[in-house]
PDB file of N, CA and C in Angstrom:
ATOM      1  N   UNK A   1       0.842  -1.175   0.000  1.00  0.00           N
ATOM      2  CA  UNK A   1       0.000   0.000   0.000  1.00  0.00           C
ATOM      3  C   UNK A   1       0.889   1.241   0.000  1.00  0.00           C
ATOM      4  N   UNK A   2       0.582   2.185  -0.808  1.00  0.00           N
ATOM      5  CA  UNK A   2       1.331   3.439  -0.812  1.00  0.00           C
ATOM      6  C   UNK A   2       0.688   4.435   0.148  1.00  0.00           C
ATOM      7  N   UNK A   3       1.434   5.442   0.473  1.00  0.00           N
ATOM      8  CA  UNK A   3       0.946   6.478   1.372  1.00  0.00           C
ATOM      9  C   UNK A   3      -0.243   7.208   0.735  1.00  0.00           C
ATOM     10  N   UNK A   4      -1.311   7.411   1.482  1.00  0.00           N
ATOM     11  CA  UNK A   4      -2.474   8.107   0.928  1.00  0.00           C
ATOM     12  C   UNK A   4      -2.221   9.595   0.675  1.00  0.00           C
ATOM     13  N   UNK A   5      -1.126  10.133   1.197  1.00  0.00           N
ATOM     14  CA  UNK A   5      -0.811  11.540   1.011  1.00  0.00           C
ATOM     15  C   UNK A   5       0.129  11.785  -0.171  1.00  0.00           C
ATOM     16  N   UNK A   6       0.506  10.725  -0.871  1.00  0.00           N
ATOM     17  CA  UNK A   6       1.400  10.843  -2.022  1.00  0.00           C
ATOM     18  C   UNK A   6       0.599  10.880  -3.307  1.00  0.00           C
ATOM     19  N   UNK A   7       0.953  11.817  -4.168  1.00  0.00           N
ATOM     20  CA  UNK A   7       0.364  11.849  -5.504  1.00  0.00           C
ATOM     21  C   UNK A   7       1.480  12.169  -6.490  1.00  0.00           C
ATOM     22  N   UNK A   8       1.185  11.994  -7.741  1.00  0.00           N
ATOM     23  CA  UNK A   8       2.159  12.311  -8.793  1.00  0.00           C
ATOM     24  C   UNK A   8       1.553  13.382  -9.680  1.00  0.00           C
ATOM     25  N   UNK A   9       2.343  14.405  -9.940  1.00  0.00           N
ATOM     26  CA  UNK A   9       1.856  15.536 -10.726  1.00  0.00           C
ATOM     27  C   UNK A   9       2.823  15.819 -11.879  1.00  0.00           C
ATOM     28  N   UNK A  10       2.232  16.295 -12.965  1.00  0.00           N
ATOM     29  CA  UNK A  10       3.033  16.602 -14.132  1.00  0.00           C
ATOM     30  C   UNK A  10       3.293  18.101 -14.291  1.00  0.00           C
ATOM     31  N   UNK A  11       2.833  18.895 -13.323  1.00  0.00           N
ATOM     32  CA  UNK A  11       3.123  20.327 -13.334  1.00  0.00           C
ATOM     33  C   UNK A  11       3.029  20.869 -11.920  1.00  0.00           C
ATOM     34  N   UNK A  12       3.586  22.062 -11.743  1.00  0.00           N
ATOM     35  CA  UNK A  12       3.489  22.724 -10.441  1.00  0.00           C
ATOM     36  C   UNK A  12       2.568  23.937 -10.505  1.00  0.00           C
ATOM     37  N   UNK A  13       1.783  24.008 -11.557  1.00  0.00           N
ATOM     38  CA  UNK A  13       0.894  25.134 -11.752  1.00  0.00           C
ATOM     39  C   UNK A  13       1.474  26.163 -12.696  1.00  0.00           C
ATOM     40  N   UNK A  14       2.783  26.352 -12.638  1.00  0.00           N
ATOM     41  CA  UNK A  14       3.464  27.305 -13.513  1.00  0.00           C
ATOM     42  C   UNK A  14       4.273  26.615 -14.607  1.00  0.00           C
ATOM     43  N   UNK A  15       4.813  25.445 -14.288  1.00  0.00           N
ATOM     44  CA  UNK A  15       5.691  24.734 -15.211  1.00  0.00           C
ATOM     45  C   UNK A  15       5.212  23.300 -15.406  1.00  0.00           C
ATOM     46  N   UNK A  16       5.309  22.808 -16.623  1.00  0.00           N
ATOM     47  CA  UNK A  16       4.992  21.419 -16.923  1.00  0.00           C
ATOM     48  C   UNK A  16       6.291  20.614 -16.933  1.00  0.00           C
ATOM     49  N   UNK A  17       6.225  19.374 -16.455  1.00  0.00           N
ATOM     50  CA  UNK A  17       7.385  18.498 -16.411  1.00  0.00           C
ATOM     51  C   UNK A  17       7.263  17.427 -17.486  1.00  0.00           C
ATOM     52  N   UNK A  18       8.400  16.886 -17.893  1.00  0.00           N
ATOM     53  CA  UNK A  18       8.398  15.798 -18.871  1.00  0.00           C
ATOM     54  C   UNK A  18       7.813  14.516 -18.281  1.00  0.00           C
ATOM     55  N   UNK A  19       8.058  14.292 -17.001  1.00  0.00           N
ATOM     56  CA  UNK A  19       7.540  13.112 -16.308  1.00  0.00           C
ATOM     57  C   UNK A  19       6.869  13.555 -15.014  1.00  0.00           C
ATOM     58  N   UNK A  20       6.005  12.711 -14.505  1.00  0.00           N
ATOM     59  CA  UNK A  20       5.329  13.024 -13.254  1.00  0.00           C
ATOM     60  C   UNK A  20       6.325  13.025 -12.100  1.00  0.00           C
ATOM     61  N   UNK A  21       6.083  13.875 -11.130  1.00  0.00           N
ATOM     62  CA  UNK A  21       6.936  13.969  -9.944  1.00  0.00           C
ATOM     63  C   UNK A  21       6.116  13.701  -8.698  1.00  0.00           C
ATOM     64  N   UNK A  22       6.791  13.124  -7.716  1.00  0.00           N
ATOM     65  CA  UNK A  22       6.136  12.784  -6.453  1.00  0.00           C
ATOM     66  C   UNK A  22       5.824  14.052  -5.663  1.00  0.00           C
ATOM     67  N   UNK A  23       4.603  14.128  -5.147  1.00  0.00           N
ATOM     68  CA  UNK A  23       4.145  15.290  -4.393  1.00  0.00           C
ATOM     69  C   UNK A  23       3.543  14.816  -3.070  1.00  0.00           C
ATOM     70  N   UNK A  24       4.019  15.387  -1.980  1.00  0.00           N
ATOM     71  CA  UNK A  24       3.502  15.054  -0.651  1.00  0.00           C
ATOM     72  C   UNK A  24       2.474  16.098  -0.246  1.00  0.00           C
ATOM     73  N   UNK A  25       1.263  15.662  -0.008  1.00  0.00           N
ATOM     74  CA  UNK A  25       0.193  16.582   0.358  1.00  0.00           C
ATOM     75  C   UNK A  25       0.294  17.045   1.809  1.00  0.00           C
ATOM     76  N   UNK A  26       1.053  16.342   2.634  1.00  0.00           N
ATOM     77  CA  UNK A  26       1.220  16.757   4.023  1.00  0.00           C
ATOM     78  C   UNK A  26       2.099  18.001   4.098  1.00  0.00           C
ATOM     79  N   UNK A  27       3.227  17.982   3.406  1.00  0.00           N
ATOM     80  CA  UNK A  27       4.137  19.130   3.441  1.00  0.00           C
ATOM     81  C   UNK A  27       3.872  20.093   2.292  1.00  0.00           C
ATOM     82  N   UNK A  28       2.948  19.718   1.421  1.00  0.00           N
ATOM     83  CA  UNK A  28       2.512  20.563   0.311  1.00  0.00           C
ATOM     84  C   UNK A  28       3.682  20.956  -0.602  1.00  0.00           C
ATOM     85  N   UNK A  29       4.488  19.938  -0.960  1.00  0.00           N
ATOM     86  CA  UNK A  29       5.605  20.185  -1.864  1.00  0.00           C
ATOM     87  C   UNK A  29       6.039  18.893  -2.557  1.00  0.00           C
ATOM     88  N   UNK A  30       6.783  19.061  -3.622  1.00  0.00           N
ATOM     89  CA  UNK A  30       7.348  17.922  -4.318  1.00  0.00           C
ATOM     90  C   UNK A  30       8.451  17.319  -3.453  1.00  0.00           C
ATOM     91  N   UNK A  31       8.579  16.005  -3.507  1.00  0.00           N
ATOM     92  CA  UNK A  31       9.591  15.319  -2.708  1.00  0.00           C
ATOM     93  C   UNK A  31      10.556  14.575  -3.614  1.00  0.00           C
ATOM     94  N   UNK A  32      11.695  14.261  -3.073  1.00  0.00           N
ATOM     95  CA  UNK A  32      12.745  13.587  -3.827  1.00  0.00           C
ATOM     96  C   UNK A  32      12.329  12.149  -4.156  1.00  0.00           C
ATOM     97  N   UNK A  33      12.945  11.571  -5.157  1.00  0.00           N
ATOM     98  CA  UNK A  33      12.667  10.160  -5.468  1.00  0.00           C
ATOM     99  C   UNK A  33      12.974   9.237  -4.277  1.00  0.00           C
ATOM    100  N   UNK A  34      13.992   9.581  -3.501  1.00  0.00           N
ATOM    101  CA  UNK A  34      14.303   8.754  -2.330  1.00  0.00           C
ATOM    102  C   UNK A  34      13.174   8.826  -1.298  1.00  0.00           C
ATOM    103  N   UNK A  35      12.601   9.989  -1.110  1.00  0.00           N
ATOM    104  CA  UNK A  35      11.463  10.132  -0.197  1.00  0.00           C
ATOM    105  C   UNK A  35      10.265   9.362  -0.735  1.00  0.00           C
ATOM    106  N   UNK A  36      10.073   9.404  -2.044  1.00  0.00           N
ATOM    107  CA  UNK A  36       8.968   8.679  -2.666  1.00  0.00           C
ATOM    108  C   UNK A  36       9.118   7.174  -2.475  1.00  0.00           C
ATOM    109  N   UNK A  37      10.351   6.678  -2.382  1.00  0.00           N
ATOM    110  CA  UNK A  37      10.561   5.256  -2.094  1.00  0.00           C
ATOM    111  C   UNK A  37       9.948   4.885  -0.749  1.00  0.00           C
ATOM    112  N   UNK A  38      10.095   5.762   0.236  1.00  0.00           N
ATOM    113  CA  UNK A  38       9.487   5.528   1.547  1.00  0.00           C
ATOM    114  C   UNK A  38       7.964   5.543   1.405  1.00  0.00           C
ATOM    115  N   UNK A  39       7.444   6.520   0.676  1.00  0.00           N
ATOM    116  CA  UNK A  39       5.994   6.654   0.479  1.00  0.00           C
ATOM    117  C   UNK A  39       5.394   5.436  -0.238  1.00  0.00           C
ATOM    118  N   UNK A  40       6.175   4.848  -1.117  1.00  0.00           N
ATOM    119  CA  UNK A  40       5.707   3.696  -1.898  1.00  0.00           C
ATOM    120  C   UNK A  40       6.090   2.356  -1.269  1.00  0.00           C
ATOM    121  N   UNK A  41       6.592   2.390  -0.047  1.00  0.00           N
ATOM    122  CA  UNK A  41       6.975   1.184   0.694  1.00  0.00           C
ATOM    123  C   UNK A  41       7.987   0.324  -0.063  1.00  0.00           C
ATOM    124  N   UNK A  42       8.939   0.966  -0.698  1.00  0.00           N
ATOM    125  CA  UNK A  42       9.996   0.248  -1.422  1.00  0.00           C
ATOM    126  C   UNK A  42      11.206   0.047  -0.518  1.00  0.00           C
ATOM    127  N   UNK A  43      12.041  -0.918  -0.887  1.00  0.00           N
ATOM    128  CA  UNK A  43      13.331  -1.159  -0.223  1.00  0.00           C
ATOM    129  C   UNK A  43      13.179  -1.368   1.279  1.00  0.00           C
ATOM    130  N   UNK A  44      12.193  -2.136   1.652  1.00  0.00           N
ATOM    131  CA  UNK A  44      11.923  -2.482   3.052  1.00  0.00           C
ATOM    132  C   UNK A  44      11.495  -1.298   3.916  1.00  0.00           C
ATOM    133  N   UNK A  45      11.120  -0.183   3.302  1.00  0.00           N
ATOM    134  CA  UNK A  45      10.538   0.935   4.035  1.00  0.00           C
ATOM    135  C   UNK A  45       9.034   0.738   4.141  1.00  0.00           C
ATOM    136  N   UNK A  46       8.440   1.363   5.105  1.00  0.00           N
ATOM    137  CA  UNK A  46       6.990   1.366   5.251  1.00  0.00           C
ATOM    138  C   UNK A  46       6.585   2.756   5.718  1.00  0.00           C
ATOM    139  N   UNK A  47       5.741   3.414   4.929  1.00  0.00           N
ATOM    140  CA  UNK A  47       5.420   4.814   5.219  1.00  0.00           C
ATOM    141  C   UNK A  47       4.856   5.029   6.619  1.00  0.00           C
ATOM    142  N   UNK A  48       4.105   4.077   7.150  1.00  0.00           N
ATOM    143  CA  UNK A  48       3.528   4.252   8.482  1.00  0.00           C
ATOM    144  C   UNK A  48       4.594   4.231   9.575  1.00  0.00           C
ATOM    145  N   UNK A  49       5.703   3.540   9.328  1.00  0.00           N
ATOM    146  CA  UNK A  49       6.764   3.429  10.332  1.00  0.00           C
ATOM    147  C   UNK A  49       7.950   4.354  10.071  1.00  0.00           C
ATOM    148  N   UNK A  50       8.214   4.675   8.825  1.00  0.00           N
ATOM    149  CA  UNK A  50       9.453   5.352   8.454  1.00  0.00           C
ATOM    150  C   UNK A  50       9.299   6.802   8.016  1.00  0.00           C
ATOM    151  N   UNK A  51       8.097   7.334   7.987  1.00  0.00           N
ATOM    152  CA  UNK A  51       7.915   8.702   7.504  1.00  0.00           C
ATOM    153  C   UNK A  51       7.360   9.612   8.604  1.00  0.00           C
ATOM    154  N   UNK A  52       8.156  10.605   8.958  1.00  0.00           N
ATOM    155  CA  UNK A  52       7.719  11.541  10.002  1.00  0.00           C
ATOM    156  C   UNK A  52       6.565  12.418   9.528  1.00  0.00           C
ATOM    157  N   UNK A  53       6.471  12.655   8.224  1.00  0.00           N
ATOM    158  CA  UNK A  53       5.360  13.462   7.695  1.00  0.00           C
ATOM    159  C   UNK A  53       4.032  12.722   7.860  1.00  0.00           C
ATOM    160  N   UNK A  54       4.039  11.422   7.598  1.00  0.00           N
ATOM    161  CA  UNK A  54       2.829  10.613   7.753  1.00  0.00           C
ATOM    162  C   UNK A  54       2.391  10.611   9.217  1.00  0.00           C
ATOM    163  N   UNK A  55       3.349  10.412  10.117  1.00  0.00           N
ATOM    164  CA  UNK A  55       3.026  10.423  11.551  1.00  0.00           C
ATOM    165  C   UNK A  55       2.371  11.736  11.962  1.00  0.00           C
ATOM    166  N   UNK A  56       2.933  12.829  11.470  1.00  0.00           N
ATOM    167  CA  UNK A  56       2.408  14.157  11.788  1.00  0.00           C
ATOM    168  C   UNK A  56       0.953  14.311  11.290  1.00  0.00           C
ATOM    169  N   UNK A  57       0.700  13.877  10.078  1.00  0.00           N
ATOM    170  CA  UNK A  57      -0.635  14.011   9.488  1.00  0.00           C
ATOM    171  C   UNK A  57      -1.657  13.139  10.212  1.00  0.00           C
ATOM    172  N   UNK A  58      -1.252  11.958  10.590  1.00  0.00           N
ATOM    173  CA  UNK A  58      -2.178  11.038  11.249  1.00  0.00           C
ATOM    174  C   UNK A  58      -2.448  11.423  12.701  1.00  0.00           C
ATOM    175  N   UNK A  59      -1.522  12.124  13.325  1.00  0.00           N
ATOM    176  CA  UNK A  59      -1.723  12.507  14.721  1.00  0.00           C
ATOM    177  C   UNK A  59      -2.613  13.746  14.866  1.00  0.00           C
ATOM    178  N   UNK A  60      -2.806  14.469  13.760  1.00  0.00           N
ATOM    179  CA  UNK A  60      -3.663  15.679  13.810  1.00  0.00           C
ATOM    180  C   UNK A  60      -5.127  15.349  13.921  1.00  0.00           C
TER     181      UNK A  60
END
């Protein structure tokens, strides 16, 4: 399961990108591919355990 706060966008409103980029709705910004690995539970990561942004959003 991927993080429910992760989406992929092809623009930032002002600029269009060649490929979609990972966007975190908790911090309201694009995130690095390495951060997206955590969001997508890749490489033995799990967003519920390894992401401080997810913890923050769920505790609110």
